[in-house]
């Protein structure tokens, strides 16, 4: 579920995608 939440967040915070991916 956290992975899904991360993907959804990337859609609205595209510039932070690498940071979000790093957290997962």
PDBML (XML) file of the C-alpha atoms, coordinates in Angstrom:
<?xml version="1.0" encoding="UTF-8" ?>
<PDBx:datablock datablockName="MODEL"
   xmlns:PDBx="http://pdbml.pdb.org/schema/pdbx-v50.xsd"
   xmlns:xsi="http://www.w3.org/2001/XMLSchema-instance"
   xsi:schemaLocation="http://pdbml.pdb.org/schema/pdbx-v50.xsd pdbx-v50.xsd">
   <PDBx:atom_siteCategory>
      <PDBx:atom_site id="1">
         <PDBx:B_iso_or_equiv>0.00</PDBx:B_iso_or_equiv>
         <PDBx:Cartn_x>0.000</PDBx:Cartn_x>
         <PDBx:Cartn_y>0.000</PDBx:Cartn_y>
         <PDBx:Cartn_z>0.000</PDBx:Cartn_z>
         <PDBx:auth_asym_id>A</PDBx:auth_asym_id>
         <PDBx:auth_atom_id>CA</PDBx:auth_atom_id>
         <PDBx:auth_comp_id>UNK</PDBx:auth_comp_id>
         <PDBx:auth_seq_id>1</PDBx:auth_seq_id>
         <PDBx:group_PDB>ATOM</PDBx:group_PDB>
         <PDBx:label_alt_id xsi:nil="true" />
         <PDBx:label_asym_id>A</PDBx:label_asym_id>
         <PDBx:label_atom_id>CA</PDBx:label_atom_id>
         <PDBx:label_comp_id>UNK</PDBx:label_comp_id>
         <PDBx:label_entity_id>1</PDBx:label_entity_id>
         <PDBx:label_seq_id>1</PDBx:label_seq_id>
         <PDBx:occupancy>1.00</PDBx:occupancy>
         <PDBx:pdbx_PDB_model_num>1</PDBx:pdbx_PDB_model_num>
         <PDBx:type_symbol>C</PDBx:type_symbol>
      </PDBx:atom_site>
      <PDBx:atom_site id="2">
         <PDBx:B_iso_or_equiv>0.00</PDBx:B_iso_or_equiv>
         <PDBx:Cartn_x>2.899</PDBx:Cartn_x>
         <PDBx:Cartn_y>2.350</PDBx:Cartn_y>
         <PDBx:Cartn_z>0.727</PDBx:Cartn_z>
         <PDBx:auth_asym_id>A</PDBx:auth_asym_id>
         <PDBx:auth_atom_id>CA</PDBx:auth_atom_id>
         <PDBx:auth_comp_id>UNK</PDBx:auth_comp_id>
         <PDBx:auth_seq_id>2</PDBx:auth_seq_id>
         <PDBx:group_PDB>ATOM</PDBx:group_PDB>
         <PDBx:label_alt_id xsi:nil="true" />
         <PDBx:label_asym_id>A</PDBx:label_asym_id>
         <PDBx:label_atom_id>CA</PDBx:label_atom_id>
         <PDBx:label_comp_id>UNK</PDBx:label_comp_id>
         <PDBx:label_entity_id>1</PDBx:label_entity_id>
         <PDBx:label_seq_id>2</PDBx:label_seq_id>
         <PDBx:occupancy>1.00</PDBx:occupancy>
         <PDBx:pdbx_PDB_model_num>1</PDBx:pdbx_PDB_model_num>
         <PDBx:type_symbol>C</PDBx:type_symbol>
      </PDBx:atom_site>
      <PDBx:atom_site id="3">
         <PDBx:B_iso_or_equiv>0.00</PDBx:B_iso_or_equiv>
         <PDBx:Cartn_x>4.317</PDBx:Cartn_x>
         <PDBx:Cartn_y>1.568</PDBx:Cartn_y>
         <PDBx:Cartn_z>-2.727</PDBx:Cartn_z>
         <PDBx:auth_asym_id>A</PDBx:auth_asym_id>
         <PDBx:auth_atom_id>CA</PDBx:auth_atom_id>
         <PDBx:auth_comp_id>UNK</PDBx:auth_comp_id>
         <PDBx:auth_seq_id>3</PDBx:auth_seq_id>
         <PDBx:group_PDB>ATOM</PDBx:group_PDB>
         <PDBx:label_alt_id xsi:nil="true" />
         <PDBx:label_asym_id>A</PDBx:label_asym_id>
         <PDBx:label_atom_id>CA</PDBx:label_atom_id>
         <PDBx:label_comp_id>UNK</PDBx:label_comp_id>
         <PDBx:label_entity_id>1</PDBx:label_entity_id>
         <PDBx:label_seq_id>3</PDBx:label_seq_id>
         <PDBx:occupancy>1.00</PDBx:occupancy>
         <PDBx:pdbx_PDB_model_num>1</PDBx:pdbx_PDB_model_num>
         <PDBx:type_symbol>C</PDBx:type_symbol>
      </PDBx:atom_site>
      <PDBx:atom_site id="4">
         <PDBx:B_iso_or_equiv>0.00</PDBx:B_iso_or_equiv>
         <PDBx:Cartn_x>0.964</PDBx:Cartn_x>
         <PDBx:Cartn_y>2.490</PDBx:Cartn_y>
         <PDBx:Cartn_z>-4.275</PDBx:Cartn_z>
         <PDBx:auth_asym_id>A</PDBx:auth_asym_id>
         <PDBx:auth_atom_id>CA</PDBx:auth_atom_id>
         <PDBx:auth_comp_id>UNK</PDBx:auth_comp_id>
         <PDBx:auth_seq_id>4</PDBx:auth_seq_id>
         <PDBx:group_PDB>ATOM</PDBx:group_PDB>
         <PDBx:label_alt_id xsi:nil="true" />
         <PDBx:label_asym_id>A</PDBx:label_asym_id>
         <PDBx:label_atom_id>CA</PDBx:label_atom_id>
         <PDBx:label_comp_id>UNK</PDBx:label_comp_id>
         <PDBx:label_entity_id>1</PDBx:label_entity_id>
         <PDBx:label_seq_id>4</PDBx:label_seq_id>
         <PDBx:occupancy>1.00</PDBx:occupancy>
         <PDBx:pdbx_PDB_model_num>1</PDBx:pdbx_PDB_model_num>
         <PDBx:type_symbol>C</PDBx:type_symbol>
      </PDBx:atom_site>
      <PDBx:atom_site id="5">
         <PDBx:B_iso_or_equiv>0.00</PDBx:B_iso_or_equiv>
         <PDBx:Cartn_x>0.848</PDBx:Cartn_x>
         <PDBx:Cartn_y>5.655</PDBx:Cartn_y>
         <PDBx:Cartn_z>-2.205</PDBx:Cartn_z>
         <PDBx:auth_asym_id>A</PDBx:auth_asym_id>
         <PDBx:auth_atom_id>CA</PDBx:auth_atom_id>
         <PDBx:auth_comp_id>UNK</PDBx:auth_comp_id>
         <PDBx:auth_seq_id>5</PDBx:auth_seq_id>
         <PDBx:group_PDB>ATOM</PDBx:group_PDB>
         <PDBx:label_alt_id xsi:nil="true" />
         <PDBx:label_asym_id>A</PDBx:label_asym_id>
         <PDBx:label_atom_id>CA</PDBx:label_atom_id>
         <PDBx:label_comp_id>UNK</PDBx:label_comp_id>
         <PDBx:label_entity_id>1</PDBx:label_entity_id>
         <PDBx:label_seq_id>5</PDBx:label_seq_id>
         <PDBx:occupancy>1.00</PDBx:occupancy>
         <PDBx:pdbx_PDB_model_num>1</PDBx:pdbx_PDB_model_num>
         <PDBx:type_symbol>C</PDBx:type_symbol>
      </PDBx:atom_site>
      <PDBx:atom_site id="6">
         <PDBx:B_iso_or_equiv>0.00</PDBx:B_iso_or_equiv>
         <PDBx:Cartn_x>4.355</PDBx:Cartn_x>
         <PDBx:Cartn_y>6.507</PDBx:Cartn_y>
         <PDBx:Cartn_z>-3.441</PDBx:Cartn_z>
         <PDBx:auth_asym_id>A</PDBx:auth_asym_id>
         <PDBx:auth_atom_id>CA</PDBx:auth_atom_id>
         <PDBx:auth_comp_id>UNK</PDBx:auth_comp_id>
         <PDBx:auth_seq_id>6</PDBx:auth_seq_id>
         <PDBx:group_PDB>ATOM</PDBx:group_PDB>
         <PDBx:label_alt_id xsi:nil="true" />
         <PDBx:label_asym_id>A</PDBx:label_asym_id>
         <PDBx:label_atom_id>CA</PDBx:label_atom_id>
         <PDBx:label_comp_id>UNK</PDBx:label_comp_id>
         <PDBx:label_entity_id>1</PDBx:label_entity_id>
         <PDBx:label_seq_id>6</PDBx:label_seq_id>
         <PDBx:occupancy>1.00</PDBx:occupancy>
         <PDBx:pdbx_PDB_model_num>1</PDBx:pdbx_PDB_model_num>
         <PDBx:type_symbol>C</PDBx:type_symbol>
      </PDBx:atom_site>
      <PDBx:atom_site id="7">
         <PDBx:B_iso_or_equiv>0.00</PDBx:B_iso_or_equiv>
         <PDBx:Cartn_x>3.381</PDBx:Cartn_x>
         <PDBx:Cartn_y>6.062</PDBx:Cartn_y>
         <PDBx:Cartn_z>-7.095</PDBx:Cartn_z>
         <PDBx:auth_asym_id>A</PDBx:auth_asym_id>
         <PDBx:auth_atom_id>CA</PDBx:auth_atom_id>
         <PDBx:auth_comp_id>UNK</PDBx:auth_comp_id>
         <PDBx:auth_seq_id>7</PDBx:auth_seq_id>
         <PDBx:group_PDB>ATOM</PDBx:group_PDB>
         <PDBx:label_alt_id xsi:nil="true" />
         <PDBx:label_asym_id>A</PDBx:label_asym_id>
         <PDBx:label_atom_id>CA</PDBx:label_atom_id>
         <PDBx:label_comp_id>UNK</PDBx:label_comp_id>
         <PDBx:label_entity_id>1</PDBx:label_entity_id>
         <PDBx:label_seq_id>7</PDBx:label_seq_id>
         <PDBx:occupancy>1.00</PDBx:occupancy>
         <PDBx:pdbx_PDB_model_num>1</PDBx:pdbx_PDB_model_num>
         <PDBx:type_symbol>C</PDBx:type_symbol>
      </PDBx:atom_site>
      <PDBx:atom_site id="8">
         <PDBx:B_iso_or_equiv>0.00</PDBx:B_iso_or_equiv>
         <PDBx:Cartn_x>0.280</PDBx:Cartn_x>
         <PDBx:Cartn_y>8.212</PDBx:Cartn_y>
         <PDBx:Cartn_z>-6.581</PDBx:Cartn_z>
         <PDBx:auth_asym_id>A</PDBx:auth_asym_id>
         <PDBx:auth_atom_id>CA</PDBx:auth_atom_id>
         <PDBx:auth_comp_id>UNK</PDBx:auth_comp_id>
         <PDBx:auth_seq_id>8</PDBx:auth_seq_id>
         <PDBx:group_PDB>ATOM</PDBx:group_PDB>
         <PDBx:label_alt_id xsi:nil="true" />
         <PDBx:label_asym_id>A</PDBx:label_asym_id>
         <PDBx:label_atom_id>CA</PDBx:label_atom_id>
         <PDBx:label_comp_id>UNK</PDBx:label_comp_id>
         <PDBx:label_entity_id>1</PDBx:label_entity_id>
         <PDBx:label_seq_id>8</PDBx:label_seq_id>
         <PDBx:occupancy>1.00</PDBx:occupancy>
         <PDBx:pdbx_PDB_model_num>1</PDBx:pdbx_PDB_model_num>
         <PDBx:type_symbol>C</PDBx:type_symbol>
      </PDBx:atom_site>
      <PDBx:atom_site id="9">
         <PDBx:B_iso_or_equiv>0.00</PDBx:B_iso_or_equiv>
         <PDBx:Cartn_x>2.374</PDBx:Cartn_x>
         <PDBx:Cartn_y>10.885</PDBx:Cartn_y>
         <PDBx:Cartn_z>-4.886</PDBx:Cartn_z>
         <PDBx:auth_asym_id>A</PDBx:auth_asym_id>
         <PDBx:auth_atom_id>CA</PDBx:auth_atom_id>
         <PDBx:auth_comp_id>UNK</PDBx:auth_comp_id>
         <PDBx:auth_seq_id>9</PDBx:auth_seq_id>
         <PDBx:group_PDB>ATOM</PDBx:group_PDB>
         <PDBx:label_alt_id xsi:nil="true" />
         <PDBx:label_asym_id>A</PDBx:label_asym_id>
         <PDBx:label_atom_id>CA</PDBx:label_atom_id>
         <PDBx:label_comp_id>UNK</PDBx:label_comp_id>
         <PDBx:label_entity_id>1</PDBx:label_entity_id>
         <PDBx:label_seq_id>9</PDBx:label_seq_id>
         <PDBx:occupancy>1.00</PDBx:occupancy>
         <PDBx:pdbx_PDB_model_num>1</PDBx:pdbx_PDB_model_num>
         <PDBx:type_symbol>C</PDBx:type_symbol>
      </PDBx:atom_site>
      <PDBx:atom_site id="10">
         <PDBx:B_iso_or_equiv>0.00</PDBx:B_iso_or_equiv>
         <PDBx:Cartn_x>4.844</PDBx:Cartn_x>
         <PDBx:Cartn_y>10.905</PDBx:Cartn_y>
         <PDBx:Cartn_z>-7.779</PDBx:Cartn_z>
         <PDBx:auth_asym_id>A</PDBx:auth_asym_id>
         <PDBx:auth_atom_id>CA</PDBx:auth_atom_id>
         <PDBx:auth_comp_id>UNK</PDBx:auth_comp_id>
         <PDBx:auth_seq_id>10</PDBx:auth_seq_id>
         <PDBx:group_PDB>ATOM</PDBx:group_PDB>
         <PDBx:label_alt_id xsi:nil="true" />
         <PDBx:label_asym_id>A</PDBx:label_asym_id>
         <PDBx:label_atom_id>CA</PDBx:label_atom_id>
         <PDBx:label_comp_id>UNK</PDBx:label_comp_id>
         <PDBx:label_entity_id>1</PDBx:label_entity_id>
         <PDBx:label_seq_id>10</PDBx:label_seq_id>
         <PDBx:occupancy>1.00</PDBx:occupancy>
         <PDBx:pdbx_PDB_model_num>1</PDBx:pdbx_PDB_model_num>
         <PDBx:type_symbol>C</PDBx:type_symbol>
      </PDBx:atom_site>
      <PDBx:atom_site id="11">
         <PDBx:B_iso_or_equiv>0.00</PDBx:B_iso_or_equiv>
         <PDBx:Cartn_x>1.962</PDBx:Cartn_x>
         <PDBx:Cartn_y>11.807</PDBx:Cartn_y>
         <PDBx:Cartn_z>-10.096</PDBx:Cartn_z>
         <PDBx:auth_asym_id>A</PDBx:auth_asym_id>
         <PDBx:auth_atom_id>CA</PDBx:auth_atom_id>
         <PDBx:auth_comp_id>UNK</PDBx:auth_comp_id>
         <PDBx:auth_seq_id>11</PDBx:auth_seq_id>
         <PDBx:group_PDB>ATOM</PDBx:group_PDB>
         <PDBx:label_alt_id xsi:nil="true" />
         <PDBx:label_asym_id>A</PDBx:label_asym_id>
         <PDBx:label_atom_id>CA</PDBx:label_atom_id>
         <PDBx:label_comp_id>UNK</PDBx:label_comp_id>
         <PDBx:label_entity_id>1</PDBx:label_entity_id>
         <PDBx:label_seq_id>11</PDBx:label_seq_id>
         <PDBx:occupancy>1.00</PDBx:occupancy>
         <PDBx:pdbx_PDB_model_num>1</PDBx:pdbx_PDB_model_num>
         <PDBx:type_symbol>C</PDBx:type_symbol>
      </PDBx:atom_site>
      <PDBx:atom_site id="12">
         <PDBx:B_iso_or_equiv>0.00</PDBx:B_iso_or_equiv>
         <PDBx:Cartn_x>1.438</PDBx:Cartn_x>
         <PDBx:Cartn_y>15.091</PDBx:Cartn_y>
         <PDBx:Cartn_z>-8.216</PDBx:Cartn_z>
         <PDBx:auth_asym_id>A</PDBx:auth_asym_id>
         <PDBx:auth_atom_id>CA</PDBx:auth_atom_id>
         <PDBx:auth_comp_id>UNK</PDBx:auth_comp_id>
         <PDBx:auth_seq_id>12</PDBx:auth_seq_id>
         <PDBx:group_PDB>ATOM</PDBx:group_PDB>
         <PDBx:label_alt_id xsi:nil="true" />
         <PDBx:label_asym_id>A</PDBx:label_asym_id>
         <PDBx:label_atom_id>CA</PDBx:label_atom_id>
         <PDBx:label_comp_id>UNK</PDBx:label_comp_id>
         <PDBx:label_entity_id>1</PDBx:label_entity_id>
         <PDBx:label_seq_id>12</PDBx:label_seq_id>
         <PDBx:occupancy>1.00</PDBx:occupancy>
         <PDBx:pdbx_PDB_model_num>1</PDBx:pdbx_PDB_model_num>
         <PDBx:type_symbol>C</PDBx:type_symbol>
      </PDBx:atom_site>
      <PDBx:atom_site id="13">
         <PDBx:B_iso_or_equiv>0.00</PDBx:B_iso_or_equiv>
         <PDBx:Cartn_x>5.047</PDBx:Cartn_x>
         <PDBx:Cartn_y>15.659</PDBx:Cartn_y>
         <PDBx:Cartn_z>-7.089</PDBx:Cartn_z>
         <PDBx:auth_asym_id>A</PDBx:auth_asym_id>
         <PDBx:auth_atom_id>CA</PDBx:auth_atom_id>
         <PDBx:auth_comp_id>UNK</PDBx:auth_comp_id>
         <PDBx:auth_seq_id>13</PDBx:auth_seq_id>
         <PDBx:group_PDB>ATOM</PDBx:group_PDB>
         <PDBx:label_alt_id xsi:nil="true" />
         <PDBx:label_asym_id>A</PDBx:label_asym_id>
         <PDBx:label_atom_id>CA</PDBx:label_atom_id>
         <PDBx:label_comp_id>UNK</PDBx:label_comp_id>
         <PDBx:label_entity_id>1</PDBx:label_entity_id>
         <PDBx:label_seq_id>13</PDBx:label_seq_id>
         <PDBx:occupancy>1.00</PDBx:occupancy>
         <PDBx:pdbx_PDB_model_num>1</PDBx:pdbx_PDB_model_num>
         <PDBx:type_symbol>C</PDBx:type_symbol>
      </PDBx:atom_site>
      <PDBx:atom_site id="14">
         <PDBx:B_iso_or_equiv>0.00</PDBx:B_iso_or_equiv>
         <PDBx:Cartn_x>6.822</PDBx:Cartn_x>
         <PDBx:Cartn_y>14.668</PDBx:Cartn_y>
         <PDBx:Cartn_z>-10.312</PDBx:Cartn_z>
         <PDBx:auth_asym_id>A</PDBx:auth_asym_id>
         <PDBx:auth_atom_id>CA</PDBx:auth_atom_id>
         <PDBx:auth_comp_id>UNK</PDBx:auth_comp_id>
         <PDBx:auth_seq_id>14</PDBx:auth_seq_id>
         <PDBx:group_PDB>ATOM</PDBx:group_PDB>
         <PDBx:label_alt_id xsi:nil="true" />
         <PDBx:label_asym_id>A</PDBx:label_asym_id>
         <PDBx:label_atom_id>CA</PDBx:label_atom_id>
         <PDBx:label_comp_id>UNK</PDBx:label_comp_id>
         <PDBx:label_entity_id>1</PDBx:label_entity_id>
         <PDBx:label_seq_id>14</PDBx:label_seq_id>
         <PDBx:occupancy>1.00</PDBx:occupancy>
         <PDBx:pdbx_PDB_model_num>1</PDBx:pdbx_PDB_model_num>
         <PDBx:type_symbol>C</PDBx:type_symbol>
      </PDBx:atom_site>
      <PDBx:atom_site id="15">
         <PDBx:B_iso_or_equiv>0.00</PDBx:B_iso_or_equiv>
         <PDBx:Cartn_x>9.971</PDBx:Cartn_x>
         <PDBx:Cartn_y>16.660</PDBx:Cartn_y>
         <PDBx:Cartn_z>-9.520</PDBx:Cartn_z>
         <PDBx:auth_asym_id>A</PDBx:auth_asym_id>
         <PDBx:auth_atom_id>CA</PDBx:auth_atom_id>
         <PDBx:auth_comp_id>UNK</PDBx:auth_comp_id>
         <PDBx:auth_seq_id>15</PDBx:auth_seq_id>
         <PDBx:group_PDB>ATOM</PDBx:group_PDB>
         <PDBx:label_alt_id xsi:nil="true" />
         <PDBx:label_asym_id>A</PDBx:label_asym_id>
         <PDBx:label_atom_id>CA</PDBx:label_atom_id>
         <PDBx:label_comp_id>UNK</PDBx:label_comp_id>
         <PDBx:label_entity_id>1</PDBx:label_entity_id>
         <PDBx:label_seq_id>15</PDBx:label_seq_id>
         <PDBx:occupancy>1.00</PDBx:occupancy>
         <PDBx:pdbx_PDB_model_num>1</PDBx:pdbx_PDB_model_num>
         <PDBx:type_symbol>C</PDBx:type_symbol>
      </PDBx:atom_site>
      <PDBx:atom_site id="16">
         <PDBx:B_iso_or_equiv>0.00</PDBx:B_iso_or_equiv>
         <PDBx:Cartn_x>10.401</PDBx:Cartn_x>
         <PDBx:Cartn_y>14.656</PDBx:Cartn_y>
         <PDBx:Cartn_z>-6.295</PDBx:Cartn_z>
         <PDBx:auth_asym_id>A</PDBx:auth_asym_id>
         <PDBx:auth_atom_id>CA</PDBx:auth_atom_id>
         <PDBx:auth_comp_id>UNK</PDBx:auth_comp_id>
         <PDBx:auth_seq_id>16</PDBx:auth_seq_id>
         <PDBx:group_PDB>ATOM</PDBx:group_PDB>
         <PDBx:label_alt_id xsi:nil="true" />
         <PDBx:label_asym_id>A</PDBx:label_asym_id>
         <PDBx:label_atom_id>CA</PDBx:label_atom_id>
         <PDBx:label_comp_id>UNK</PDBx:label_comp_id>
         <PDBx:label_entity_id>1</PDBx:label_entity_id>
         <PDBx:label_seq_id>16</PDBx:label_seq_id>
         <PDBx:occupancy>1.00</PDBx:occupancy>
         <PDBx:pdbx_PDB_model_num>1</PDBx:pdbx_PDB_model_num>
         <PDBx:type_symbol>C</PDBx:type_symbol>
      </PDBx:atom_site>
      <PDBx:atom_site id="17">
         <PDBx:B_iso_or_equiv>0.00</PDBx:B_iso_or_equiv>
         <PDBx:Cartn_x>10.077</PDBx:Cartn_x>
         <PDBx:Cartn_y>11.213</PDBx:Cartn_y>
         <PDBx:Cartn_z>-7.923</PDBx:Cartn_z>
         <PDBx:auth_asym_id>A</PDBx:auth_asym_id>
         <PDBx:auth_atom_id>CA</PDBx:auth_atom_id>
         <PDBx:auth_comp_id>UNK</PDBx:auth_comp_id>
         <PDBx:auth_seq_id>17</PDBx:auth_seq_id>
         <PDBx:group_PDB>ATOM</PDBx:group_PDB>
         <PDBx:label_alt_id xsi:nil="true" />
         <PDBx:label_asym_id>A</PDBx:label_asym_id>
         <PDBx:label_atom_id>CA</PDBx:label_atom_id>
         <PDBx:label_comp_id>UNK</PDBx:label_comp_id>
         <PDBx:label_entity_id>1</PDBx:label_entity_id>
         <PDBx:label_seq_id>17</PDBx:label_seq_id>
         <PDBx:occupancy>1.00</PDBx:occupancy>
         <PDBx:pdbx_PDB_model_num>1</PDBx:pdbx_PDB_model_num>
         <PDBx:type_symbol>C</PDBx:type_symbol>
      </PDBx:atom_site>
      <PDBx:atom_site id="18">
         <PDBx:B_iso_or_equiv>0.00</PDBx:B_iso_or_equiv>
         <PDBx:Cartn_x>13.680</PDBx:Cartn_x>
         <PDBx:Cartn_y>10.217</PDBx:Cartn_y>
         <PDBx:Cartn_z>-7.313</PDBx:Cartn_z>
         <PDBx:auth_asym_id>A</PDBx:auth_asym_id>
         <PDBx:auth_atom_id>CA</PDBx:auth_atom_id>
         <PDBx:auth_comp_id>UNK</PDBx:auth_comp_id>
         <PDBx:auth_seq_id>18</PDBx:auth_seq_id>
         <PDBx:group_PDB>ATOM</PDBx:group_PDB>
         <PDBx:label_alt_id xsi:nil="true" />
         <PDBx:label_asym_id>A</PDBx:label_asym_id>
         <PDBx:label_atom_id>CA</PDBx:label_atom_id>
         <PDBx:label_comp_id>UNK</PDBx:label_comp_id>
         <PDBx:label_entity_id>1</PDBx:label_entity_id>
         <PDBx:label_seq_id>18</PDBx:label_seq_id>
         <PDBx:occupancy>1.00</PDBx:occupancy>
         <PDBx:pdbx_PDB_model_num>1</PDBx:pdbx_PDB_model_num>
         <PDBx:type_symbol>C</PDBx:type_symbol>
      </PDBx:atom_site>
      <PDBx:atom_site id="19">
         <PDBx:B_iso_or_equiv>0.00</PDBx:B_iso_or_equiv>
         <PDBx:Cartn_x>13.444</PDBx:Cartn_x>
         <PDBx:Cartn_y>11.142</PDBx:Cartn_y>
         <PDBx:Cartn_z>-3.621</PDBx:Cartn_z>
         <PDBx:auth_asym_id>A</PDBx:auth_asym_id>
         <PDBx:auth_atom_id>CA</PDBx:auth_atom_id>
         <PDBx:auth_comp_id>UNK</PDBx:auth_comp_id>
         <PDBx:auth_seq_id>19</PDBx:auth_seq_id>
         <PDBx:group_PDB>ATOM</PDBx:group_PDB>
         <PDBx:label_alt_id xsi:nil="true" />
         <PDBx:label_asym_id>A</PDBx:label_asym_id>
         <PDBx:label_atom_id>CA</PDBx:label_atom_id>
         <PDBx:label_comp_id>UNK</PDBx:label_comp_id>
         <PDBx:label_entity_id>1</PDBx:label_entity_id>
         <PDBx:label_seq_id>19</PDBx:label_seq_id>
         <PDBx:occupancy>1.00</PDBx:occupancy>
         <PDBx:pdbx_PDB_model_num>1</PDBx:pdbx_PDB_model_num>
         <PDBx:type_symbol>C</PDBx:type_symbol>
      </PDBx:atom_site>
      <PDBx:atom_site id="20">
         <PDBx:B_iso_or_equiv>0.00</PDBx:B_iso_or_equiv>
         <PDBx:Cartn_x>10.170</PDBx:Cartn_x>
         <PDBx:Cartn_y>9.237</PDBx:Cartn_y>
         <PDBx:Cartn_z>-3.239</PDBx:Cartn_z>
         <PDBx:auth_asym_id>A</PDBx:auth_asym_id>
         <PDBx:auth_atom_id>CA</PDBx:auth_atom_id>
         <PDBx:auth_comp_id>UNK</PDBx:auth_comp_id>
         <PDBx:auth_seq_id>20</PDBx:auth_seq_id>
         <PDBx:group_PDB>ATOM</PDBx:group_PDB>
         <PDBx:label_alt_id xsi:nil="true" />
         <PDBx:label_asym_id>A</PDBx:label_asym_id>
         <PDBx:label_atom_id>CA</PDBx:label_atom_id>
         <PDBx:label_comp_id>UNK</PDBx:label_comp_id>
         <PDBx:label_entity_id>1</PDBx:label_entity_id>
         <PDBx:label_seq_id>20</PDBx:label_seq_id>
         <PDBx:occupancy>1.00</PDBx:occupancy>
         <PDBx:pdbx_PDB_model_num>1</PDBx:pdbx_PDB_model_num>
         <PDBx:type_symbol>C</PDBx:type_symbol>
      </PDBx:atom_site>
      <PDBx:atom_site id="21">
         <PDBx:B_iso_or_equiv>0.00</PDBx:B_iso_or_equiv>
         <PDBx:Cartn_x>11.652</PDBx:Cartn_x>
         <PDBx:Cartn_y>6.202</PDBx:Cartn_y>
         <PDBx:Cartn_z>-4.989</PDBx:Cartn_z>
         <PDBx:auth_asym_id>A</PDBx:auth_asym_id>
         <PDBx:auth_atom_id>CA</PDBx:auth_atom_id>
         <PDBx:auth_comp_id>UNK</PDBx:auth_comp_id>
         <PDBx:auth_seq_id>21</PDBx:auth_seq_id>
         <PDBx:group_PDB>ATOM</PDBx:group_PDB>
         <PDBx:label_alt_id xsi:nil="true" />
         <PDBx:label_asym_id>A</PDBx:label_asym_id>
         <PDBx:label_atom_id>CA</PDBx:label_atom_id>
         <PDBx:label_comp_id>UNK</PDBx:label_comp_id>
         <PDBx:label_entity_id>1</PDBx:label_entity_id>
         <PDBx:label_seq_id>21</PDBx:label_seq_id>
         <PDBx:occupancy>1.00</PDBx:occupancy>
         <PDBx:pdbx_PDB_model_num>1</PDBx:pdbx_PDB_model_num>
         <PDBx:type_symbol>C</PDBx:type_symbol>
      </PDBx:atom_site>
      <PDBx:atom_site id="22">
         <PDBx:B_iso_or_equiv>0.00</PDBx:B_iso_or_equiv>
         <PDBx:Cartn_x>14.680</PDBx:Cartn_x>
         <PDBx:Cartn_y>6.430</PDBx:Cartn_y>
         <PDBx:Cartn_z>-2.708</PDBx:Cartn_z>
         <PDBx:auth_asym_id>A</PDBx:auth_asym_id>
         <PDBx:auth_atom_id>CA</PDBx:auth_atom_id>
         <PDBx:auth_comp_id>UNK</PDBx:auth_comp_id>
         <PDBx:auth_seq_id>22</PDBx:auth_seq_id>
         <PDBx:group_PDB>ATOM</PDBx:group_PDB>
         <PDBx:label_alt_id xsi:nil="true" />
         <PDBx:label_asym_id>A</PDBx:label_asym_id>
         <PDBx:label_atom_id>CA</PDBx:label_atom_id>
         <PDBx:label_comp_id>UNK</PDBx:label_comp_id>
         <PDBx:label_entity_id>1</PDBx:label_entity_id>
         <PDBx:label_seq_id>22</PDBx:label_seq_id>
         <PDBx:occupancy>1.00</PDBx:occupancy>
         <PDBx:pdbx_PDB_model_num>1</PDBx:pdbx_PDB_model_num>
         <PDBx:type_symbol>C</PDBx:type_symbol>
      </PDBx:atom_site>
      <PDBx:atom_site id="23">
         <PDBx:B_iso_or_equiv>0.00</PDBx:B_iso_or_equiv>
         <PDBx:Cartn_x>12.450</PDBx:Cartn_x>
         <PDBx:Cartn_y>6.306</PDBx:Cartn_y>
         <PDBx:Cartn_z>0.383</PDBx:Cartn_z>
         <PDBx:auth_asym_id>A</PDBx:auth_asym_id>
         <PDBx:auth_atom_id>CA</PDBx:auth_atom_id>
         <PDBx:auth_comp_id>UNK</PDBx:auth_comp_id>
         <PDBx:auth_seq_id>23</PDBx:auth_seq_id>
         <PDBx:group_PDB>ATOM</PDBx:group_PDB>
         <PDBx:label_alt_id xsi:nil="true" />
         <PDBx:label_asym_id>A</PDBx:label_asym_id>
         <PDBx:label_atom_id>CA</PDBx:label_atom_id>
         <PDBx:label_comp_id>UNK</PDBx:label_comp_id>
         <PDBx:label_entity_id>1</PDBx:label_entity_id>
         <PDBx:label_seq_id>23</PDBx:label_seq_id>
         <PDBx:occupancy>1.00</PDBx:occupancy>
         <PDBx:pdbx_PDB_model_num>1</PDBx:pdbx_PDB_model_num>
         <PDBx:type_symbol>C</PDBx:type_symbol>
      </PDBx:atom_site>
      <PDBx:atom_site id="24">
         <PDBx:B_iso_or_equiv>0.00</PDBx:B_iso_or_equiv>
         <PDBx:Cartn_x>10.781</PDBx:Cartn_x>
         <PDBx:Cartn_y>3.091</PDBx:Cartn_y>
         <PDBx:Cartn_z>-0.791</PDBx:Cartn_z>
         <PDBx:auth_asym_id>A</PDBx:auth_asym_id>
         <PDBx:auth_atom_id>CA</PDBx:auth_atom_id>
         <PDBx:auth_comp_id>UNK</PDBx:auth_comp_id>
         <PDBx:auth_seq_id>24</PDBx:auth_seq_id>
         <PDBx:group_PDB>ATOM</PDBx:group_PDB>
         <PDBx:label_alt_id xsi:nil="true" />
         <PDBx:label_asym_id>A</PDBx:label_asym_id>
         <PDBx:label_atom_id>CA</PDBx:label_atom_id>
         <PDBx:label_comp_id>UNK</PDBx:label_comp_id>
         <PDBx:label_entity_id>1</PDBx:label_entity_id>
         <PDBx:label_seq_id>24</PDBx:label_seq_id>
         <PDBx:occupancy>1.00</PDBx:occupancy>
         <PDBx:pdbx_PDB_model_num>1</PDBx:pdbx_PDB_model_num>
         <PDBx:type_symbol>C</PDBx:type_symbol>
      </PDBx:atom_site>
   </PDBx:atom_siteCategory>
</PDBx:datablock>
